[in-house]
Amino acid sequence: MNCPAHICPPIYNVHNTYIPRTVPYIHPVVNIHRRVIVNVPRHYYVPVTRNIVVDPGCPGCRR
């Protein structure tokens, strides 16, 4: 009398091999050249000439 055979689940031997693959990562760089206008006061001095006549009045007159 032979005993029936027992079939066990299979054993897997997995051998992984990794192959590198480059994936590009793009980093945009924005260069900004700014020209900032700054208000700077500039003073102008305008000369004014006035001719003034001083009248002392008549000599000997009272007012």
PDB file of N, CA and C in Angstrom:
ATOM      1  N   MET A   1       0.851  -1.154   0.000  1.00  0.00           N
ATOM      2  CA  MET A   1       0.000   0.000   0.000  1.00  0.00           C
ATOM      3  C   MET A   1       0.897   1.217   0.000  1.00  0.00           C
ATOM      4  N   ASN A   2       0.722   1.976  -0.971  1.00  0.00           N
ATOM      5  CA  ASN A   2       1.501   3.209  -1.124  1.00  0.00           C
ATOM      6  C   ASN A   2       0.692   4.378  -0.589  1.00  0.00           C
ATOM      7  N   CYS A   3       1.408   5.230   0.073  1.00  0.00           N
ATOM      8  CA  CYS A   3       0.748   6.453   0.563  1.00  0.00           C
ATOM      9  C   CYS A   3       0.693   7.465  -0.564  1.00  0.00           C
ATOM     10  N   PRO A   4      -0.402   8.207  -0.625  1.00  0.00           N
ATOM     11  CA  PRO A   4      -0.470   9.202  -1.687  1.00  0.00           C
ATOM     12  C   PRO A   4       0.554  10.311  -1.459  1.00  0.00           C
ATOM     13  N   ALA A   5       1.059  10.879  -2.521  1.00  0.00           N
ATOM     14  CA  ALA A   5       2.080  11.933  -2.424  1.00  0.00           C
ATOM     15  C   ALA A   5       1.433  13.253  -2.005  1.00  0.00           C
ATOM     16  N   HIS A   6       2.161  13.936  -1.201  1.00  0.00           N
ATOM     17  CA  HIS A   6       1.709  15.276  -0.798  1.00  0.00           C
ATOM     18  C   HIS A   6       2.402  16.289  -1.700  1.00  0.00           C
ATOM     19  N   ILE A   7       1.644  17.145  -2.335  1.00  0.00           N
ATOM     20  CA  ILE A   7       2.216  18.177  -3.198  1.00  0.00           C
ATOM     21  C   ILE A   7       2.207  19.480  -2.410  1.00  0.00           C
ATOM     22  N   CYS A   8       3.407  19.962  -2.167  1.00  0.00           N
ATOM     23  CA  CYS A   8       3.572  21.207  -1.406  1.00  0.00           C
ATOM     24  C   CYS A   8       3.499  22.400  -2.353  1.00  0.00           C
ATOM     25  N   PRO A   9       3.150  23.593  -1.813  1.00  0.00           N
ATOM     26  CA  PRO A   9       3.156  24.778  -2.671  1.00  0.00           C
ATOM     27  C   PRO A   9       4.569  25.062  -3.152  1.00  0.00           C
ATOM     28  N   PRO A  10       4.692  25.662  -4.357  1.00  0.00           N
ATOM     29  CA  PRO A  10       6.028  25.885  -4.903  1.00  0.00           C
ATOM     30  C   PRO A  10       6.810  26.942  -4.134  1.00  0.00           C
ATOM     31  N   ILE A  11       8.077  26.837  -4.151  1.00  0.00           N
ATOM     32  CA  ILE A  11       8.982  27.823  -3.544  1.00  0.00           C
ATOM     33  C   ILE A  11       9.534  28.662  -4.680  1.00  0.00           C
ATOM     34  N   TYR A  12       9.401  29.992  -4.529  1.00  0.00           N
ATOM     35  CA  TYR A  12       9.871  30.907  -5.570  1.00  0.00           C
ATOM     36  C   TYR A  12      11.188  31.533  -5.138  1.00  0.00           C
ATOM     37  N   ASN A  13      12.185  31.443  -5.953  1.00  0.00           N
ATOM     38  CA  ASN A  13      13.436  32.157  -5.760  1.00  0.00           C
ATOM     39  C   ASN A  13      13.471  33.283  -6.798  1.00  0.00           C
ATOM     40  N   VAL A  14      13.329  34.511  -6.327  1.00  0.00           N
ATOM     41  CA  VAL A  14      13.271  35.667  -7.226  1.00  0.00           C
ATOM     42  C   VAL A  14      14.597  36.403  -7.143  1.00  0.00           C
ATOM     43  N   HIS A  15      15.209  36.654  -8.272  1.00  0.00           N
ATOM     44  CA  HIS A  15      16.463  37.385  -8.358  1.00  0.00           C
ATOM     45  C   HIS A  15      16.186  38.686  -9.122  1.00  0.00           C
ATOM     46  N   ASN A  16      16.127  39.792  -8.394  1.00  0.00           N
ATOM     47  CA  ASN A  16      15.837  41.092  -9.008  1.00  0.00           C
ATOM     48  C   ASN A  16      17.123  41.729  -9.514  1.00  0.00           C
ATOM     49  N   THR A  17      17.057  42.269 -10.678  1.00  0.00           N
ATOM     50  CA  THR A  17      18.157  43.036 -11.250  1.00  0.00           C
ATOM     51  C   THR A  17      17.623  44.429 -11.530  1.00  0.00           C
ATOM     52  N   TYR A  18      18.349  45.465 -11.056  1.00  0.00           N
ATOM     53  CA  TYR A  18      17.899  46.854 -11.209  1.00  0.00           C
ATOM     54  C   TYR A  18      18.714  47.541 -12.285  1.00  0.00           C
ATOM     55  N   ILE A  19      18.018  48.181 -13.183  1.00  0.00           N
ATOM     56  CA  ILE A  19      18.659  48.913 -14.268  1.00  0.00           C
ATOM     57  C   ILE A  19      18.333  50.392 -14.073  1.00  0.00           C
ATOM     58  N   PRO A  20      19.354  51.247 -13.947  1.00  0.00           N
ATOM     59  CA  PRO A  20      19.062  52.667 -13.723  1.00  0.00           C
ATOM     60  C   PRO A  20      18.514  53.327 -14.989  1.00  0.00           C
ATOM     61  N   ARG A  21      17.550  54.192 -14.790  1.00  0.00           N
ATOM     62  CA  ARG A  21      16.978  54.978 -15.875  1.00  0.00           C
ATOM     63  C   ARG A  21      16.895  56.419 -15.395  1.00  0.00           C
ATOM     64  N   THR A  22      17.492  57.318 -16.128  1.00  0.00           N
ATOM     65  CA  THR A  22      17.492  58.721 -15.694  1.00  0.00           C
ATOM     66  C   THR A  22      16.144  59.366 -16.010  1.00  0.00           C
ATOM     67  N   VAL A  23      15.677  60.130 -15.047  1.00  0.00           N
ATOM     68  CA  VAL A  23      14.429  60.880 -15.189  1.00  0.00           C
ATOM     69  C   VAL A  23      14.785  62.346 -15.011  1.00  0.00           C
ATOM     70  N   PRO A  24      14.566  63.186 -16.024  1.00  0.00           N
ATOM     71  CA  PRO A  24      14.965  64.595 -15.906  1.00  0.00           C
ATOM     72  C   PRO A  24      14.033  65.371 -14.976  1.00  0.00           C
ATOM     73  N   TYR A  25      14.645  66.172 -14.132  1.00  0.00           N
ATOM     74  CA  TYR A  25      13.931  67.126 -13.286  1.00  0.00           C
ATOM     75  C   TYR A  25      14.375  68.507 -13.739  1.00  0.00           C
ATOM     76  N   ILE A  26      13.446  69.281 -14.234  1.00  0.00           N
ATOM     77  CA  ILE A  26      13.779  70.594 -14.790  1.00  0.00           C
ATOM     78  C   ILE A  26      13.457  71.651 -13.738  1.00  0.00           C
ATOM     79  N   HIS A  27      14.465  72.471 -13.411  1.00  0.00           N
ATOM     80  CA  HIS A  27      14.304  73.558 -12.453  1.00  0.00           C
ATOM     81  C   HIS A  27      14.474  74.876 -13.199  1.00  0.00           C
ATOM     82  N   PRO A  28      13.388  75.554 -13.517  1.00  0.00           N
ATOM     83  CA  PRO A  28      13.530  76.830 -14.230  1.00  0.00           C
ATOM     84  C   PRO A  28      14.121  77.907 -13.315  1.00  0.00           C
ATOM     85  N   VAL A  29      15.036  78.678 -13.854  1.00  0.00           N
ATOM     86  CA  VAL A  29      15.639  79.787 -13.133  1.00  0.00           C
ATOM     87  C   VAL A  29      15.292  81.057 -13.900  1.00  0.00           C
ATOM     88  N   VAL A  30      14.644  82.002 -13.237  1.00  0.00           N
ATOM     89  CA  VAL A  30      14.233  83.250 -13.870  1.00  0.00           C
ATOM     90  C   VAL A  30      15.133  84.356 -13.348  1.00  0.00           C
ATOM     91  N   ASN A  31      15.871  85.002 -14.236  1.00  0.00           N
ATOM     92  CA  ASN A  31      16.720  86.134 -13.877  1.00  0.00           C
ATOM     93  C   ASN A  31      15.949  87.414 -14.190  1.00  0.00           C
ATOM     94  N   ILE A  32      15.789  88.246 -13.186  1.00  0.00           N
ATOM     95  CA  ILE A  32      15.035  89.487 -13.344  1.00  0.00           C
ATOM     96  C   ILE A  32      15.986  90.653 -13.110  1.00  0.00           C
ATOM     97  N   HIS A  33      16.078  91.529 -14.098  1.00  0.00           N
ATOM     98  CA  HIS A  33      16.864  92.749 -13.973  1.00  0.00           C
ATOM     99  C   HIS A  33      15.876  93.902 -13.815  1.00  0.00           C
ATOM    100  N   ARG A  34      15.803  94.440 -12.616  1.00  0.00           N
ATOM    101  CA  ARG A  34      14.834  95.486 -12.337  1.00  0.00           C
ATOM    102  C   ARG A  34      15.505  96.852 -12.348  1.00  0.00           C
ATOM    103  N   ARG A  35      14.805  97.813 -12.885  1.00  0.00           N
ATOM    104  CA  ARG A  35      15.236  99.210 -12.834  1.00  0.00           C
ATOM    105  C   ARG A  35      14.172  99.965 -12.058  1.00  0.00           C
ATOM    106  N   VAL A  36      14.517 100.337 -10.865  1.00  0.00           N
ATOM    107  CA  VAL A  36      13.578 100.993  -9.972  1.00  0.00           C
ATOM    108  C   VAL A  36      13.828 102.498 -10.034  1.00  0.00           C
ATOM    109  N   ILE A  37      12.791 103.251 -10.326  1.00  0.00           N
ATOM    110  CA  ILE A  37      12.911 104.708 -10.402  1.00  0.00           C
ATOM    111  C   ILE A  37      12.696 105.274  -9.005  1.00  0.00           C
ATOM    112  N   VAL A  38      13.654 106.071  -8.569  1.00  0.00           N
ATOM    113  CA  VAL A  38      13.597 106.687  -7.249  1.00  0.00           C
ATOM    114  C   VAL A  38      13.495 108.200  -7.448  1.00  0.00           C
ATOM    115  N   ASN A  39      12.514 108.805  -6.803  1.00  0.00           N
ATOM    116  CA  ASN A  39      12.340 110.258  -6.907  1.00  0.00           C
ATOM    117  C   ASN A  39      13.332 110.965  -5.983  1.00  0.00           C
ATOM    118  N   VAL A  40      14.169 111.793  -6.568  1.00  0.00           N
ATOM    119  CA  VAL A  40      15.163 112.540  -5.821  1.00  0.00           C
ATOM    120  C   VAL A  40      14.832 114.027  -5.990  1.00  0.00           C
ATOM    121  N   PRO A  41      14.647 114.766  -4.894  1.00  0.00           N
ATOM    122  CA  PRO A  41      14.291 116.183  -5.034  1.00  0.00           C
ATOM    123  C   PRO A  41      15.468 117.007  -5.560  1.00  0.00           C
ATOM    124  N   ARG A  42      15.156 117.917  -6.457  1.00  0.00           N
ATOM    125  CA  ARG A  42      16.158 118.850  -6.971  1.00  0.00           C
ATOM    126  C   ARG A  42      15.601 120.239  -6.742  1.00  0.00           C
ATOM    127  N   HIS A  43      16.324 121.029  -5.977  1.00  0.00           N
ATOM    128  CA  HIS A  43      15.846 122.345  -5.572  1.00  0.00           C
ATOM    129  C   HIS A  43      16.351 123.403  -6.546  1.00  0.00           C
ATOM    130  N   TYR A  44      15.444 124.283  -6.928  1.00  0.00           N
ATOM    131  CA  TYR A  44      15.780 125.413  -7.797  1.00  0.00           C
ATOM    132  C   TYR A  44      15.539 126.691  -6.997  1.00  0.00           C
ATOM    133  N   TYR A  45      16.515 127.576  -7.020  1.00  0.00           N
ATOM    134  CA  TYR A  45      16.389 128.862  -6.340  1.00  0.00           C
ATOM    135  C   TYR A  45      16.303 129.931  -7.418  1.00  0.00           C
ATOM    136  N   VAL A  46      15.173 130.621  -7.452  1.00  0.00           N
ATOM    137  CA  VAL A  46      14.938 131.642  -8.471  1.00  0.00           C
ATOM    138  C   VAL A  46      15.121 133.003  -7.804  1.00  0.00           C
ATOM    139  N   PRO A  47      16.146 133.761  -8.236  1.00  0.00           N
ATOM    140  CA  PRO A  47      16.343 135.084  -7.632  1.00  0.00           C
ATOM    141  C   PRO A  47      15.291 136.078  -8.158  1.00  0.00           C
ATOM    142  N   VAL A  48      14.831 136.919  -7.260  1.00  0.00           N
ATOM    143  CA  VAL A  48      13.861 137.966  -7.605  1.00  0.00           C
ATOM    144  C   VAL A  48      14.469 139.303  -7.192  1.00  0.00           C
ATOM    145  N   THR A  49      14.514 140.238  -8.122  1.00  0.00           N
ATOM    146  CA  THR A  49      15.041 141.580  -7.832  1.00  0.00           C
ATOM    147  C   THR A  49      13.884 142.566  -7.819  1.00  0.00           C
ATOM    148  N   ARG A  50      13.803 143.331  -6.755  1.00  0.00           N
ATOM    149  CA  ARG A  50      12.743 144.337  -6.641  1.00  0.00           C
ATOM    150  C   ARG A  50      13.392 145.707  -6.452  1.00  0.00           C
ATOM    151  N   ASN A  51      12.929 146.654  -7.214  1.00  0.00           N
ATOM    152  CA  ASN A  51      13.376 148.039  -7.065  1.00  0.00           C
ATOM    153  C   ASN A  51      12.321 148.777  -6.250  1.00  0.00           C
ATOM    154  N   ILE A  52      12.733 149.237  -5.101  1.00  0.00           N
ATOM    155  CA  ILE A  52      11.819 149.926  -4.184  1.00  0.00           C
ATOM    156  C   ILE A  52      12.257 151.384  -4.076  1.00  0.00           C
ATOM    157  N   VAL A  53      11.304 152.263  -4.264  1.00  0.00           N
ATOM    158  CA  VAL A  53      11.572 153.702  -4.134  1.00  0.00           C
ATOM    159  C   VAL A  53      11.027 154.149  -2.783  1.00  0.00           C
ATOM    160  N   VAL A  54      11.900 154.725  -2.000  1.00  0.00           N
ATOM    161  CA  VAL A  54      11.496 155.234  -0.689  1.00  0.00           C
ATOM    162  C   VAL A  54      11.378 156.755  -0.820  1.00  0.00           C
ATOM    163  N   ASP A  55      10.195 157.264  -0.619  1.00  0.00           N
ATOM    164  CA  ASP A  55       9.955 158.708  -0.695  1.00  0.00           C
ATOM    165  C   ASP A  55       9.858 159.252   0.706  1.00  0.00           C
ATOM    166  N   PRO A  56      10.836 160.038   1.117  1.00  0.00           N
ATOM    167  CA  PRO A  56      10.800 160.567   2.474  1.00  0.00           C
ATOM    168  C   PRO A  56       9.764 161.694   2.638  1.00  0.00           C
ATOM    169  N   GLY A  57       9.171 162.074   1.584  1.00  0.00           N
ATOM    170  CA  GLY A  57       8.198 163.169   1.669  1.00  0.00           C
ATOM    171  C   GLY A  57       8.860 164.517   1.491  1.00  0.00           C
ATOM    172  N   CYS A  58       8.067 165.560   1.518  1.00  0.00           N
ATOM    173  CA  CYS A  58       8.584 166.919   1.357  1.00  0.00           C
ATOM    174  C   CYS A  58       9.278 167.377   2.633  1.00  0.00           C
ATOM    175  N   PRO A  59      10.419 168.009   2.465  1.00  0.00           N
ATOM    176  CA  PRO A  59      11.063 168.511   3.681  1.00  0.00           C
ATOM    177  C   PRO A  59      10.233 169.667   4.291  1.00  0.00           C
ATOM    178  N   GLY A  60      10.058 169.601   5.556  1.00  0.00           N
ATOM    179  CA  GLY A  60       9.316 170.633   6.269  1.00  0.00           C
ATOM    180  C   GLY A  60       7.826 170.377   6.301  1.00  0.00           C
ATOM    181  N   CYS A  61       7.310 169.377   5.627  1.00  0.00           N
ATOM    182  CA  CYS A  61       5.863 169.078   5.654  1.00  0.00           C
ATOM    183  C   CYS A  61       5.614 168.051   6.738  1.00  0.00           C
ATOM    184  N   ARG A  62       4.516 168.272   7.444  1.00  0.00           N
ATOM    185  CA  ARG A  62       4.149 167.302   8.478  1.00  0.00           C
ATOM    186  C   ARG A  62       2.920 166.512   8.034  1.00  0.00           C
ATOM    187  N   ARG A  63       2.955 165.386   8.314  1.00  0.00           N
ATOM    188  CA  ARG A  63       1.792 164.540   8.052  1.00  0.00           C
ATOM    189  C   ARG A  63       1.510 163.648   9.192  1.00  0.00           C
TER     190      ARG A  63
END
